[in-house]
């Protein structure tokens, strides 16, 4: 499927970097398929040409039992311990979003039970403190 995606990108006359950027903005890229690094100022997605883009990270697929105990997942802005621990977790997505509304799937035994396409999620409190986030997602992400 990924090979087909690359082929379509080439046919439409735009590069892989612009296609990846569009995917980050339109739905995200699984963390385990992403080249991510982080520090106290942000999480960075590295493109094949070695350019980087600041992104957010959140858990897009959560187990029903975890959801009942912890509630909604948080959106991470920087290298907090939770974000760093999930850089290779396929349930997490690297995204660029200017509103805190996301796709969320709640599963039980690998079966999707509920899903939301426009679920409001909160920012990780530790990330907000570490980055001194001022509420401007466009500015924070560099747009």
C-alpha atoms as a PDB file:
ATOM      1  CA  UNK A   1       0.000   0.000   0.000  1.00  0.00           C
ATOM      2  CA  UNK A   2       2.822   2.428   0.842  1.00  0.00           C
ATOM      3  CA  UNK A   3       4.456   1.726  -2.527  1.00  0.00           C
ATOM      4  CA  UNK A   4       1.171   2.602  -4.245  1.00  0.00           C
ATOM      5  CA  UNK A   5       1.015   5.834  -2.237  1.00  0.00           C
ATOM      6  CA  UNK A   6       4.515   6.801  -3.431  1.00  0.00           C
ATOM      7  CA  UNK A   7       3.605   5.957  -7.044  1.00  0.00           C
ATOM      8  CA  UNK A   8       0.490   8.136  -6.907  1.00  0.00           C
ATOM      9  CA  UNK A   9       2.533  10.983  -5.461  1.00  0.00           C
ATOM     10  CA  UNK A  10       4.965  10.787  -8.351  1.00  0.00           C
ATOM     11  CA  UNK A  11       2.160  10.670 -10.934  1.00  0.00           C
ATOM     12  CA  UNK A  12       0.491  13.771  -9.508  1.00  0.00           C
ATOM     13  CA  UNK A  13       3.707  15.764  -9.886  1.00  0.00           C
ATOM     14  CA  UNK A  14       4.586  16.427  -6.281  1.00  0.00           C
ATOM     15  CA  UNK A  15       7.348  15.054  -4.121  1.00  0.00           C
ATOM     16  CA  UNK A  16       7.326  12.608  -1.290  1.00  0.00           C
ATOM     17  CA  UNK A  17       7.980  15.368   1.252  1.00  0.00           C
ATOM     18  CA  UNK A  18       4.865  17.313   0.266  1.00  0.00           C
ATOM     19  CA  UNK A  19       2.809  14.107   0.300  1.00  0.00           C
ATOM     20  CA  UNK A  20       4.050  13.236   3.780  1.00  0.00           C
ATOM     21  CA  UNK A  21       3.336  16.771   4.975  1.00  0.00           C
ATOM     22  CA  UNK A  22      -0.191  16.517   3.584  1.00  0.00           C
ATOM     23  CA  UNK A  23      -0.672  13.157   5.330  1.00  0.00           C
ATOM     24  CA  UNK A  24       0.512  14.641   8.641  1.00  0.00           C
ATOM     25  CA  UNK A  25      -2.083  17.399   8.238  1.00  0.00           C
ATOM     26  CA  UNK A  26      -4.960  15.225   7.004  1.00  0.00           C
ATOM     27  CA  UNK A  27      -4.857  12.252   9.339  1.00  0.00           C
ATOM     28  CA  UNK A  28      -1.391  11.647  10.677  1.00  0.00           C
ATOM     29  CA  UNK A  29       1.264   8.989  10.267  1.00  0.00           C
ATOM     30  CA  UNK A  30       1.672   6.061  12.651  1.00  0.00           C
ATOM     31  CA  UNK A  31       4.468   6.670  15.109  1.00  0.00           C
ATOM     32  CA  UNK A  32       6.114   3.351  14.287  1.00  0.00           C
ATOM     33  CA  UNK A  33       6.372   4.430  10.605  1.00  0.00           C
ATOM     34  CA  UNK A  34       7.777   7.847  11.524  1.00  0.00           C
ATOM     35  CA  UNK A  35      11.305   9.064  12.094  1.00  0.00           C
ATOM     36  CA  UNK A  36      10.663  11.077  15.258  1.00  0.00           C
ATOM     37  CA  UNK A  37      12.904  12.857  17.720  1.00  0.00           C
ATOM     38  CA  UNK A  38      11.995  15.093  20.622  1.00  0.00           C
ATOM     39  CA  UNK A  39      13.324  17.569  23.111  1.00  0.00           C
ATOM     40  CA  UNK A  40      11.777  19.962  25.635  1.00  0.00           C
ATOM     41  CA  UNK A  41      10.664  22.302  22.833  1.00  0.00           C
ATOM     42  CA  UNK A  42       8.810  19.822  20.633  1.00  0.00           C
ATOM     43  CA  UNK A  43       8.471  16.570  18.691  1.00  0.00           C
ATOM     44  CA  UNK A  44      10.028  16.558  15.227  1.00  0.00           C
ATOM     45  CA  UNK A  45       9.168  14.447  12.173  1.00  0.00           C
ATOM     46  CA  UNK A  46      12.143  13.942   9.842  1.00  0.00           C
ATOM     47  CA  UNK A  47      11.425  13.802   6.102  1.00  0.00           C
ATOM     48  CA  UNK A  48      13.508  11.699   3.684  1.00  0.00           C
ATOM     49  CA  UNK A  49      15.387  14.875   2.619  1.00  0.00           C
ATOM     50  CA  UNK A  50      16.417  15.362   6.308  1.00  0.00           C
ATOM     51  CA  UNK A  51      14.211  18.439   6.803  1.00  0.00           C
ATOM     52  CA  UNK A  52      12.180  18.396  10.009  1.00  0.00           C
ATOM     53  CA  UNK A  53       8.687  19.508  10.942  1.00  0.00           C
ATOM     54  CA  UNK A  54       7.307  19.978  14.434  1.00  0.00           C
ATOM     55  CA  UNK A  55       4.348  17.638  15.077  1.00  0.00           C
ATOM     56  CA  UNK A  56       2.092  16.474  17.878  1.00  0.00           C
ATOM     57  CA  UNK A  57       1.687  12.881  19.061  1.00  0.00           C
ATOM     58  CA  UNK A  58      -1.427  11.204  20.428  1.00  0.00           C
ATOM     59  CA  UNK A  59      -2.903   7.748  20.960  1.00  0.00           C
ATOM     60  CA  UNK A  60      -5.417   7.239  18.149  1.00  0.00           C
ATOM     61  CA  UNK A  61      -6.329   3.674  19.128  1.00  0.00           C
ATOM     62  CA  UNK A  62      -7.005   2.881  22.778  1.00  0.00           C
ATOM     63  CA  UNK A  63      -8.199  -0.276  24.476  1.00  0.00           C
ATOM     64  CA  UNK A  64     -11.672  -0.027  26.007  1.00  0.00           C
ATOM     65  CA  UNK A  65     -10.434  -1.147  29.436  1.00  0.00           C
ATOM     66  CA  UNK A  66      -7.727   1.550  29.432  1.00  0.00           C
ATOM     67  CA  UNK A  67     -10.215   4.132  28.197  1.00  0.00           C
ATOM     68  CA  UNK A  68     -12.606   3.307  31.070  1.00  0.00           C
ATOM     69  CA  UNK A  69      -9.826   3.804  33.634  1.00  0.00           C
ATOM     70  CA  UNK A  70      -7.866   6.721  32.138  1.00  0.00           C
ATOM     71  CA  UNK A  71     -10.405   8.455  29.918  1.00  0.00           C
ATOM     72  CA  UNK A  72      -9.417  10.336  26.785  1.00  0.00           C
ATOM     73  CA  UNK A  73      -5.763  10.180  25.735  1.00  0.00           C
ATOM     74  CA  UNK A  74      -3.693  13.359  25.803  1.00  0.00           C
ATOM     75  CA  UNK A  75      -2.021  15.145  22.899  1.00  0.00           C
ATOM     76  CA  UNK A  76       1.742  15.474  23.372  1.00  0.00           C
ATOM     77  CA  UNK A  77       3.802  18.459  22.233  1.00  0.00           C
ATOM     78  CA  UNK A  78       7.309  17.507  23.339  1.00  0.00           C
ATOM     79  CA  UNK A  79       9.560  14.802  24.730  1.00  0.00           C
ATOM     80  CA  UNK A  80       7.661  14.074  27.923  1.00  0.00           C
ATOM     81  CA  UNK A  81       8.128  10.510  29.268  1.00  0.00           C
ATOM     82  CA  UNK A  82       4.807   9.272  27.806  1.00  0.00           C
ATOM     83  CA  UNK A  83       5.576  10.607  24.322  1.00  0.00           C
ATOM     84  CA  UNK A  84       9.119   9.199  24.327  1.00  0.00           C
ATOM     85  CA  UNK A  85       7.888   5.783  25.455  1.00  0.00           C
ATOM     86  CA  UNK A  86       5.454   5.598  22.521  1.00  0.00           C
ATOM     87  CA  UNK A  87       7.557   6.688  19.526  1.00  0.00           C
ATOM     88  CA  UNK A  88       7.364   3.156  18.093  1.00  0.00           C
ATOM     89  CA  UNK A  89       3.817   2.378  19.215  1.00  0.00           C
ATOM     90  CA  UNK A  90       1.498   1.740  16.206  1.00  0.00           C
ATOM     91  CA  UNK A  91      -1.474   3.058  18.213  1.00  0.00           C
ATOM     92  CA  UNK A  92       0.067   6.551  18.284  1.00  0.00           C
ATOM     93  CA  UNK A  93      -0.066   9.052  15.416  1.00  0.00           C
ATOM     94  CA  UNK A  94       2.231  11.935  14.551  1.00  0.00           C
ATOM     95  CA  UNK A  95      -0.034  14.777  13.381  1.00  0.00           C
ATOM     96  CA  UNK A  96      -0.197  18.427  12.454  1.00  0.00           C
ATOM     97  CA  UNK A  97      -3.470  19.955  13.587  1.00  0.00           C
ATOM     98  CA  UNK A  98      -4.522  23.499  14.351  1.00  0.00           C
ATOM     99  CA  UNK A  99      -7.552  22.474  16.411  1.00  0.00           C
ATOM    100  CA  UNK A 100      -7.501  19.877  19.161  1.00  0.00           C
ATOM    101  CA  UNK A 101     -10.023  17.560  17.456  1.00  0.00           C
ATOM    102  CA  UNK A 102      -8.844  14.113  16.392  1.00  0.00           C
ATOM    103  CA  UNK A 103      -9.784  10.650  15.167  1.00  0.00           C
ATOM    104  CA  UNK A 104     -10.076   8.209  18.086  1.00  0.00           C
ATOM    105  CA  UNK A 105     -10.777   4.468  17.966  1.00  0.00           C
ATOM    106  CA  UNK A 106     -11.766   2.496  21.062  1.00  0.00           C
ATOM    107  CA  UNK A 107     -11.113  -1.239  20.725  1.00  0.00           C
ATOM    108  CA  UNK A 108     -11.698  -4.386  22.736  1.00  0.00           C
ATOM    109  CA  UNK A 109      -9.791  -7.580  21.939  1.00  0.00           C
ATOM    110  CA  UNK A 110      -8.543  -5.975  18.673  1.00  0.00           C
ATOM    111  CA  UNK A 111     -12.146  -5.281  17.564  1.00  0.00           C
ATOM    112  CA  UNK A 112     -13.120  -1.659  17.058  1.00  0.00           C
ATOM    113  CA  UNK A 113     -16.014  -0.890  19.393  1.00  0.00           C
ATOM    114  CA  UNK A 114     -16.424   2.884  18.930  1.00  0.00           C
ATOM    115  CA  UNK A 115     -14.777   5.565  16.887  1.00  0.00           C
ATOM    116  CA  UNK A 116     -14.893   9.328  16.725  1.00  0.00           C
ATOM    117  CA  UNK A 117     -13.778  11.460  13.787  1.00  0.00           C
ATOM    118  CA  UNK A 118     -13.778  14.814  15.538  1.00  0.00           C
ATOM    119  CA  UNK A 119     -13.038  14.044  19.196  1.00  0.00           C
ATOM    120  CA  UNK A 120     -11.806  16.991  21.278  1.00  0.00           C
ATOM    121  CA  UNK A 121      -8.677  15.992  23.211  1.00  0.00           C
ATOM    122  CA  UNK A 122      -6.687  17.873  25.829  1.00  0.00           C
ATOM    123  CA  UNK A 123      -2.997  18.687  25.728  1.00  0.00           C
ATOM    124  CA  UNK A 124      -0.677  16.802  28.067  1.00  0.00           C
ATOM    125  CA  UNK A 125      -0.195  19.056  31.098  1.00  0.00           C
ATOM    126  CA  UNK A 126       3.484  18.118  31.386  1.00  0.00           C
ATOM    127  CA  UNK A 127       4.069  19.060  27.739  1.00  0.00           C
ATOM    128  CA  UNK A 128       2.316  22.411  28.216  1.00  0.00           C
ATOM    129  CA  UNK A 129       4.627  23.191  31.150  1.00  0.00           C
ATOM    130  CA  UNK A 130       7.800  21.947  29.418  1.00  0.00           C
ATOM    131  CA  UNK A 131       7.166  23.920  26.210  1.00  0.00           C
ATOM    132  CA  UNK A 132       5.562  26.948  27.878  1.00  0.00           C
ATOM    133  CA  UNK A 133       2.820  26.545  25.258  1.00  0.00           C
ATOM    134  CA  UNK A 134       0.884  29.803  24.794  1.00  0.00           C
ATOM    135  CA  UNK A 135      -2.235  28.421  23.058  1.00  0.00           C
ATOM    136  CA  UNK A 136      -1.185  29.166  19.453  1.00  0.00           C
ATOM    137  CA  UNK A 137      -0.901  25.803  17.651  1.00  0.00           C
ATOM    138  CA  UNK A 138      -0.060  27.420  14.279  1.00  0.00           C
ATOM    139  CA  UNK A 139       2.824  29.318  15.783  1.00  0.00           C
ATOM    140  CA  UNK A 140       3.979  26.375  17.873  1.00  0.00           C
ATOM    141  CA  UNK A 141       4.050  24.055  14.835  1.00  0.00           C
ATOM    142  CA  UNK A 142       5.785  26.669  12.696  1.00  0.00           C
ATOM    143  CA  UNK A 143       3.005  27.706  10.289  1.00  0.00           C
END
